[in-house]
Protein backbone atom coordinates (compact mmCIF):
# COMPACT_ATOMS: atom_id res chain seq x y z
CA UNK A 1 30.15 -20.14 35.50
CA UNK A 2 26.34 -19.54 35.97
CA UNK A 3 25.79 -19.09 40.00
CA UNK A 4 22.21 -19.00 39.47
CA UNK A 5 20.31 -21.40 42.20
CA UNK A 6 19.65 -24.84 40.48
CA UNK A 7 16.41 -25.80 42.67
CA UNK A 8 14.45 -22.53 42.77
CA UNK A 9 11.36 -24.65 44.74
CA UNK A 10 13.28 -24.37 48.12
CA UNK A 11 10.77 -24.36 51.14
CA UNK A 12 12.53 -21.22 52.63
CA UNK A 13 12.34 -19.10 49.98
CA UNK A 14 9.73 -16.25 49.47
CA UNK A 15 7.89 -15.57 46.80
CA UNK A 16 8.36 -12.57 44.80
CA UNK A 17 6.12 -10.35 42.97
CA UNK A 18 8.22 -11.41 39.90
CA UNK A 19 8.05 -15.31 40.54
CA UNK A 20 4.10 -15.27 40.48
CA UNK A 21 3.46 -12.89 37.71
CA UNK A 22 6.49 -13.82 35.80
CA UNK A 23 7.31 -17.63 36.28
CA UNK A 24 9.29 -19.63 33.79
CA UNK A 25 6.77 -20.54 31.60
CA UNK A 26 5.49 -17.26 31.22
CA UNK A 27 8.81 -15.68 30.38
CA UNK A 28 9.31 -17.99 27.63
CA UNK A 29 6.12 -16.93 26.23
CA UNK A 30 6.92 -13.56 26.80
CA UNK A 31 10.63 -13.12 25.15
CA UNK A 32 9.38 -15.23 22.13
CA UNK A 33 6.62 -12.26 21.82
CA UNK A 34 9.62 -9.92 22.14
CA UNK A 35 11.48 -11.49 19.46
CA UNK A 36 8.28 -11.10 16.97
CA UNK A 37 7.83 -7.68 18.00
CA UNK A 38 11.38 -6.70 17.13
CA UNK A 39 11.64 -8.63 13.86
CA UNK A 40 8.22 -6.32 12.69
CA UNK A 41 9.87 -3.58 13.75
CA UNK A 42 13.06 -3.93 11.95
CA UNK A 43 11.02 -4.80 9.08
CA UNK A 44 9.24 -1.64 9.13
CA UNK A 45 12.24 0.43 9.62
CA UNK A 46 14.26 -1.22 6.88
CA UNK A 47 11.21 -0.69 4.53
CA UNK A 48 11.05 3.11 6.13
CA UNK A 49 14.81 3.90 4.97
CA UNK A 50 14.84 2.14 1.64
CA UNK A 51 16.61 -0.74 2.51
CA UNK A 52 14.74 -3.95 0.77
CA UNK A 53 15.02 -6.53 3.17
CA UNK A 54 13.14 -9.09 0.96
CA UNK A 55 15.78 -8.45 -1.30
CA UNK A 56 18.30 -9.30 1.34
CA UNK A 57 16.31 -12.46 2.02
CA UNK A 58 15.52 -13.16 -1.83
CA UNK A 59 11.76 -13.24 -1.54
CA UNK A 60 10.19 -11.91 -4.65
CA UNK A 61 7.82 -9.31 -3.33
CA UNK A 62 5.30 -7.02 -5.59
CA UNK A 63 4.64 -3.45 -4.10
CA UNK A 64 0.99 -4.53 -4.01
CA UNK A 65 2.07 -7.98 -1.98
CA UNK A 66 4.76 -5.40 0.30
CA UNK A 67 1.69 -3.83 1.69
CA UNK A 68 -0.31 -6.99 2.39
CA UNK A 69 2.60 -8.27 3.94
CA UNK A 70 3.13 -5.79 6.23
CA UNK A 71 -0.44 -5.49 7.27
CA UNK A 72 -0.68 -9.26 7.86
CA UNK A 73 2.42 -9.41 9.78
CA UNK A 74 1.15 -6.70 12.29
CA UNK A 75 -2.28 -8.74 12.51
CA UNK A 76 -0.05 -12.11 13.17
CA UNK A 77 2.06 -10.24 15.82
CA UNK A 78 -0.59 -8.35 17.36
CA UNK A 79 -3.06 -11.49 17.63
CA UNK A 80 0.09 -13.74 19.40
CA UNK A 81 0.31 -10.81 21.95
CA UNK A 82 -3.40 -10.82 22.38
CA UNK A 83 -3.38 -14.81 23.05
CA UNK A 84 -0.38 -14.59 25.26
CA UNK A 85 -1.28 -12.02 27.55
CA UNK A 86 -4.93 -13.65 27.69
CA UNK A 87 -3.29 -17.12 28.82
CA UNK A 88 -0.81 -15.76 31.01
CA UNK A 89 -2.97 -12.86 32.66
CA UNK A 90 -5.89 -16.43 33.06
CA UNK A 91 -3.20 -18.67 34.58
CA UNK A 92 -1.95 -15.95 37.20
CA UNK A 93 -5.82 -15.46 38.04
CA UNK A 94 -6.31 -19.22 38.61
CA UNK A 95 -3.20 -19.11 40.27
CA UNK A 96 -3.75 -16.38 42.64
CA UNK A 97 -7.43 -17.66 43.66
CA UNK A 98 -5.53 -20.79 44.83
CA UNK A 99 -6.61 -23.10 42.08
CA UNK A 100 -3.98 -25.90 41.86
CA UNK A 101 -5.43 -27.84 38.61
CA UNK A 102 -2.66 -29.80 36.59
CA UNK A 103 -4.35 -28.89 33.47
CA UNK A 104 -3.72 -24.88 33.88
CA UNK A 105 0.39 -25.67 34.11
CA UNK A 106 -0.61 -27.24 30.23
CA UNK A 107 -1.74 -24.00 29.11
CA UNK A 108 1.98 -21.87 28.52
CA UNK A 109 3.14 -25.27 27.03
CA UNK A 110 -0.10 -25.36 24.39
CA UNK A 111 0.41 -21.41 24.19
CA UNK A 112 4.53 -22.01 23.13
CA UNK A 113 3.48 -24.84 20.77
CA UNK A 114 0.70 -22.73 18.93
CA UNK A 115 3.36 -19.63 18.44
CA UNK A 116 5.81 -22.42 16.76
CA UNK A 117 3.07 -23.77 14.87
CA UNK A 118 1.81 -20.14 13.39
CA UNK A 119 4.96 -19.33 12.46
CA UNK A 120 6.27 -22.25 10.50
CA UNK A 121 3.13 -23.99 9.18
CA UNK A 122 1.08 -21.97 6.21
CA UNK A 123 0.91 -21.43 2.64
CA UNK A 124 2.47 -18.15 2.43
CA UNK A 125 5.88 -18.14 0.58
CA UNK A 126 7.25 -16.05 4.07
CA UNK A 127 6.31 -19.19 5.94
CA UNK A 128 7.64 -21.96 3.59
CA UNK A 129 10.88 -20.14 3.48
CA UNK A 130 11.22 -19.85 6.99
CA UNK A 131 10.53 -23.50 7.38
CA UNK A 132 12.73 -24.78 5.11
CA UNK A 133 15.53 -22.72 6.24
CA UNK A 134 15.06 -24.08 9.37
CA UNK A 135 14.97 -27.61 8.59
CA UNK A 136 18.04 -26.95 6.24
CA UNK A 137 19.95 -24.99 9.29
CA UNK A 138 19.01 -27.80 12.14
CA UNK A 139 21.36 -30.32 10.53
CA UNK A 140 23.95 -27.75 10.26
CA UNK A 141 24.01 -27.19 6.19
CA UNK A 142 24.16 -23.97 4.62
CA UNK A 143 22.37 -23.00 1.15
CA UNK A 144 25.13 -20.41 -0.30
CA UNK A 145 22.17 -18.90 -2.44
CA UNK A 146 20.29 -18.34 0.49
CA UNK A 147 23.12 -17.01 2.89
CA UNK A 148 21.67 -14.54 4.52
CA UNK A 149 18.16 -16.51 5.22
CA UNK A 150 20.28 -19.28 6.90
CA UNK A 151 23.20 -16.81 8.84
CA UNK A 152 20.68 -14.32 10.18
CA UNK A 153 18.02 -17.19 11.47
CA UNK A 154 20.87 -19.15 13.02
CA UNK A 155 22.47 -16.25 14.75
CA UNK A 156 18.86 -15.50 16.10
CA UNK A 157 19.21 -19.19 17.41
CA UNK A 158 22.36 -18.53 19.39
CA UNK A 159 20.62 -15.67 21.20
CA UNK A 160 17.83 -17.93 21.65
CA UNK A 161 19.86 -20.25 23.00
CA UNK A 162 19.29 -19.80 26.71
CA UNK A 163 15.18 -19.63 26.05
CA UNK A 164 15.63 -23.09 24.53
CA UNK A 165 16.93 -24.19 27.72
CA UNK A 166 14.30 -22.57 30.07
CA UNK A 167 12.18 -24.74 27.72
CA UNK A 168 13.35 -27.85 28.37
CA UNK A 169 13.96 -26.98 31.90
CA UNK A 170 9.91 -26.35 31.77
CA UNK A 171 9.27 -29.64 30.04
CA UNK A 172 11.56 -31.66 32.69
CA UNK A 173 9.40 -29.62 35.54
CA UNK A 174 6.05 -30.87 33.92
CA UNK A 175 6.96 -34.40 34.12
CA UNK A 176 8.63 -34.04 37.55
CA UNK A 177 5.55 -32.50 39.06
CA UNK A 178 4.57 -28.66 39.34
CA UNK A 179 5.95 -25.77 37.67
CA UNK A 180 4.05 -22.59 38.52
CA UNK A 181 4.35 -20.78 41.94
CA UNK A 182 2.09 -22.09 44.53
CA UNK A 183 1.22 -18.89 46.57
CA UNK A 184 -0.37 -20.50 49.80
CA UNK A 185 2.89 -22.29 50.61
CA UNK A 186 5.20 -19.68 49.41
CA UNK A 187 6.83 -22.04 46.65
CA UNK A 188 8.49 -22.10 43.43
CA UNK A 189 8.68 -25.61 41.99
CA UNK A 190 10.76 -25.00 38.63
CA UNK A 191 14.17 -26.92 39.11
CA UNK A 192 16.87 -26.18 37.10
CA UNK A 193 19.25 -29.18 37.78
CA UNK A 194 19.10 -30.71 34.60
CA UNK A 195 21.76 -33.09 33.52
CA UNK A 196 24.93 -31.00 32.38
CA UNK A 197 25.72 -32.72 29.27
CA UNK A 198 22.11 -32.02 27.77
CA UNK A 199 22.41 -28.34 29.35
CA UNK A 200 25.65 -27.82 27.23
CA UNK A 201 24.11 -29.53 24.08
CA UNK A 202 20.95 -27.38 23.95
CA UNK A 203 23.19 -23.97 24.87
CA UNK A 204 26.24 -24.84 22.20
CA UNK A 205 24.06 -26.58 19.37
CA UNK A 206 23.66 -22.93 17.56
CA UNK A 207 26.84 -22.39 17.84
CA UNK A 208 27.88 -25.54 16.80
CA UNK A 209 25.78 -25.06 13.42
CA UNK A 210 27.19 -21.39 12.72
CA UNK A 211 30.63 -22.97 12.97
CA UNK A 212 29.74 -25.72 10.89
CA UNK A 213 28.38 -23.16 8.49
CA UNK A 214 31.42 -21.24 8.39
CA UNK A 215 33.17 -24.18 7.52
CA UNK A 216 31.03 -25.14 4.66
CA UNK A 217 31.51 -21.39 3.40
CA UNK A 218 35.27 -21.88 3.47
CA UNK A 219 35.17 -25.46 1.69
CA UNK A 220 32.64 -23.62 -1.01
CA UNK A 221 35.16 -20.93 -1.58
CA UNK A 222 37.57 -23.74 -2.54
CA UNK A 223 39.73 -23.23 0.96
CA UNK A 224 40.62 -19.53 -0.56
CA UNK A 225 38.19 -17.23 1.65
CA UNK A 226 40.26 -17.40 5.12
CA UNK A 227 37.76 -15.01 6.49
CA UNK A 228 35.34 -18.12 6.87
CA UNK A 229 37.86 -19.63 8.93
CA UNK A 230 38.28 -16.81 10.73
CA UNK A 231 34.51 -16.72 11.55
CA UNK A 232 34.56 -20.54 12.62
CA UNK A 233 36.95 -19.83 15.13
CA UNK A 234 35.23 -16.49 16.54
CA UNK A 235 31.99 -19.10 17.27
CA UNK A 236 34.64 -21.90 18.84
CA UNK A 237 35.78 -19.12 21.60
CA UNK A 238 32.44 -19.06 22.54
CA UNK A 239 32.36 -22.49 23.45
CA UNK A 240 35.24 -22.49 25.66
CA UNK A 241 33.29 -20.35 28.79
CA UNK A 242 30.68 -22.79 28.45
CA UNK A 243 32.78 -25.75 28.96
CA UNK A 244 34.49 -24.30 31.71
CA UNK A 245 31.38 -22.94 33.40
CA UNK A 246 29.92 -26.48 33.61
CA UNK A 247 33.24 -27.96 34.79
CA UNK A 248 33.30 -25.14 37.44
CA UNK A 249 29.70 -25.76 38.72
CA UNK A 250 30.44 -29.49 38.65
CA UNK A 251 33.54 -29.63 40.87
CA UNK A 252 32.88 -26.90 43.30
CA UNK A 253 35.82 -27.79 45.89
CA UNK A 254 38.66 -28.50 43.48
CA UNK A 255 41.94 -27.02 44.43
CA UNK A 256 42.42 -25.19 41.04
CA UNK A 257 39.36 -22.99 41.25
CA UNK A 258 40.65 -19.76 41.57
CA UNK A 259 42.83 -20.52 38.35
CA UNK A 260 40.21 -22.33 36.28
CA UNK A 261 37.56 -19.32 37.38
CA UNK A 262 40.42 -16.78 36.14
CA UNK A 263 40.61 -19.20 32.73
CA UNK A 264 36.88 -18.50 32.65
CA UNK A 265 37.16 -14.84 32.95
CA UNK A 266 39.84 -14.71 30.34
CA UNK A 267 37.92 -17.02 27.92
CA UNK A 268 35.06 -14.69 28.35
CA UNK A 269 36.98 -11.60 27.26
CA UNK A 270 38.47 -13.13 24.04
CA UNK A 271 34.89 -14.32 22.73
CA UNK A 272 33.76 -10.75 23.96
CA UNK A 273 36.38 -8.72 22.02
CA UNK A 274 36.72 -11.00 19.30
CA UNK A 275 32.77 -11.02 18.68
CA UNK A 276 32.68 -7.06 19.07
CA UNK A 277 35.92 -6.66 16.27
CA UNK A 278 33.63 -9.19 14.08
CA UNK A 279 30.24 -7.10 14.42
CA UNK A 280 31.95 -3.60 13.92
CA UNK A 281 34.60 -4.63 11.07
CA UNK A 282 32.88 -7.24 9.12
CA UNK A 283 29.26 -7.63 9.80
CA UNK A 284 28.73 -3.89 9.77
CA UNK A 285 31.24 -2.96 7.57
CA UNK A 286 32.67 -0.05 9.59
CA UNK A 287 35.92 1.44 9.20
CA UNK A 288 36.59 2.06 13.33
CA UNK A 289 39.59 -0.38 13.60
CA UNK A 290 41.20 0.13 10.56
CA UNK A 291 41.03 3.94 11.13
CA UNK A 292 42.57 3.74 14.43
CA UNK A 293 45.55 1.69 12.84
CA UNK A 294 45.55 3.91 9.71
CA UNK A 295 44.76 7.15 11.00
CA UNK A 296 42.02 7.96 8.66
CA UNK A 297 38.76 10.05 9.65
CA UNK A 298 36.13 8.31 8.95
CA UNK A 299 34.81 6.01 11.49
CA UNK A 300 31.80 4.18 9.95
CA UNK A 301 31.46 4.17 6.12
CA UNK A 302 30.93 6.12 3.09
CA UNK A 303 27.65 4.94 2.37
CA UNK A 304 24.80 4.80 5.07
CA UNK A 305 21.20 4.17 4.62
CA UNK A 306 20.14 5.49 8.29
CA UNK A 307 20.67 9.05 8.07
CA UNK A 308 21.94 9.95 11.80
CA UNK A 309 25.27 8.56 12.32
CA UNK A 310 24.27 8.92 16.38
CA UNK A 311 22.50 5.96 15.54
CA UNK A 312 25.25 4.00 14.21
CA UNK A 313 27.47 5.19 17.45
CA UNK A 314 24.93 4.07 19.50
CA UNK A 315 24.67 0.54 17.98
CA UNK A 316 28.17 0.07 18.80
CA UNK A 317 27.93 1.08 22.10
CA UNK A 318 25.45 -0.80 22.83
CA UNK A 319 26.80 -3.85 21.38
CA UNK A 320 29.70 -3.08 23.34
CA UNK A 321 27.89 -2.67 26.69
CA UNK A 322 26.12 -6.11 26.02
CA UNK A 323 28.59 -8.06 25.12
CA UNK A 324 30.84 -7.18 28.24
CA UNK A 325 27.70 -7.07 30.45
CA UNK A 326 29.72 -10.35 32.37
CA UNK A 327 31.78 -7.76 33.76
CA UNK A 328 29.11 -6.77 36.10
CA UNK A 329 30.14 -10.04 38.61
CA UNK A 330 33.21 -7.81 39.65
CA UNK A 331 30.32 -5.61 41.43
CA UNK A 332 28.67 -6.99 44.35
CA UNK A 333 25.56 -5.26 43.45
CA UNK A 334 25.29 -6.20 39.95
CA UNK A 335 26.31 -9.55 40.45
CA UNK A 336 23.42 -10.53 43.09
CA UNK A 337 21.34 -8.12 40.61
CA UNK A 338 22.12 -9.68 37.47
CA UNK A 339 23.33 -13.07 38.00
CA UNK A 340 21.88 -14.51 41.19
CA UNK A 341 18.08 -13.94 40.43
CA UNK A 342 15.68 -15.40 38.40
CA UNK A 343 14.64 -12.04 37.39
CA UNK A 344 18.39 -11.34 36.58
CA UNK A 345 18.51 -13.89 34.44
CA UNK A 346 15.35 -13.24 32.36
CA UNK A 347 16.77 -9.58 32.02
CA UNK A 348 20.02 -10.71 30.38
CA UNK A 349 18.06 -12.70 28.20
CA UNK A 350 16.07 -9.68 27.25
CA UNK A 351 19.35 -8.11 26.75
CA UNK A 352 20.80 -10.75 24.52
CA UNK A 353 17.84 -10.52 22.28
CA UNK A 354 17.96 -6.92 22.12
CA UNK A 355 21.33 -6.73 21.40
CA UNK A 356 20.47 -9.42 18.46
CA UNK A 357 18.06 -6.81 16.94
CA UNK A 358 20.37 -3.79 17.07
CA UNK A 359 23.12 -6.12 15.35
CA UNK A 360 20.41 -7.74 12.89
CA UNK A 361 19.49 -3.94 11.84
CA UNK A 362 22.60 -3.14 10.46
CA UNK A 363 23.67 -6.25 9.33
CA UNK A 364 20.67 -6.39 6.81
CA UNK A 365 21.48 -3.00 6.12
CA UNK A 366 25.03 -3.83 5.19
CA UNK A 367 23.92 -6.98 3.18
CA UNK A 368 21.47 -4.37 1.28
CA UNK A 369 24.44 -2.07 0.13
CA UNK A 370 26.34 -5.53 -1.32
CA UNK A 371 23.61 -6.21 -3.25
CA UNK A 372 23.59 -2.94 -4.53
CA UNK A 373 26.93 -2.65 -5.19
CA UNK A 374 27.21 0.52 -3.05
CA UNK A 375 30.25 2.31 -2.35
CA UNK A 376 32.06 0.81 0.96
CA UNK A 377 35.29 1.13 2.07
CA UNK A 378 36.72 -2.06 2.48
CA UNK A 379 37.07 -5.44 0.51
CA UNK A 380 35.76 -8.20 2.66
CA UNK A 381 34.37 -11.06 0.84
CA UNK A 382 31.76 -13.17 2.55
CA UNK A 383 29.92 -15.67 0.23
CA UNK A 384 32.31 -15.23 -2.40
CA UNK A 385 31.00 -11.70 -3.36
CA UNK A 386 33.04 -9.08 -3.25
CA UNK A 387 32.36 -5.47 -2.78
CA UNK A 388 34.51 -2.38 -2.64
């Protein structure tokens, strides 16, 4: 149940430094840049530890091309960051100086569209692959030969679902009026009061894509690989909290409010624990839960590409903490800090993207070990590729 104020443009509200320097359009740009830099870091770190991420994605890259791609990726990410910083700094300068030109409010939109354009359109094989993958997953399909491409991109979209919602809020606010803070009047004009069906559709769309992909994989396996079916159930558990949240927000005086709120917390717990177990046991192929049941000594797996085991344990701790961050609602201070303010909403988005980045590191490593037929302990079968 999101308790973030729907209308942030109330006249009585005092502008904070956060409202001025990181209003909604700027935050969208910042989160896009965060994702680009984290993906670049993932590629560099994987390659430095002999994890061929291009092999995982089934991209044919020679040694000569590899150096060129890394340099090009750094140039691309740096240029996007520089453009984003200059555009945001310019908007803030004009805003502080009191210029209320309507054209200024479209600058963040132009930057966002430019970033998307630069990502998707180009002649390089990487961009063509990204564009083809995006077109395929947006209609819920999955290519079994390129399943890692489809799954990694779709799961990334699930972590960016609220950023996509923010983008729609920004577009609607542009249509309604002003979107940038008015320093003179001390008001923020962004209005989060959008149609709840539209909100539900935007947030749940990436989840539904993954759900359909899991069912497709189950069908491709001849209805034999039940793990895909369980995976689809995992994504379904993510829809229930969204539905209950929207119901609670639309009926604040319901006599069953307490019971439904408790159900909401229960659904969050089920989704979080299901996702955590899946991350550790299936996506990362660690033996932690099977070890607890069998009494064995190995918590991770016999083959690890990163030399320091502490990294893996930190990843498990981070994934656990961020999956259960909603427990902060039971603490008055954390509830006010994270769930009642725009700054808290932004921090939660950053944490979710960071959690996805941590997940991505070890997921790519696991898929690389599969391609190498490395010695791993269990025999999970994903995409009809059994490894032992």
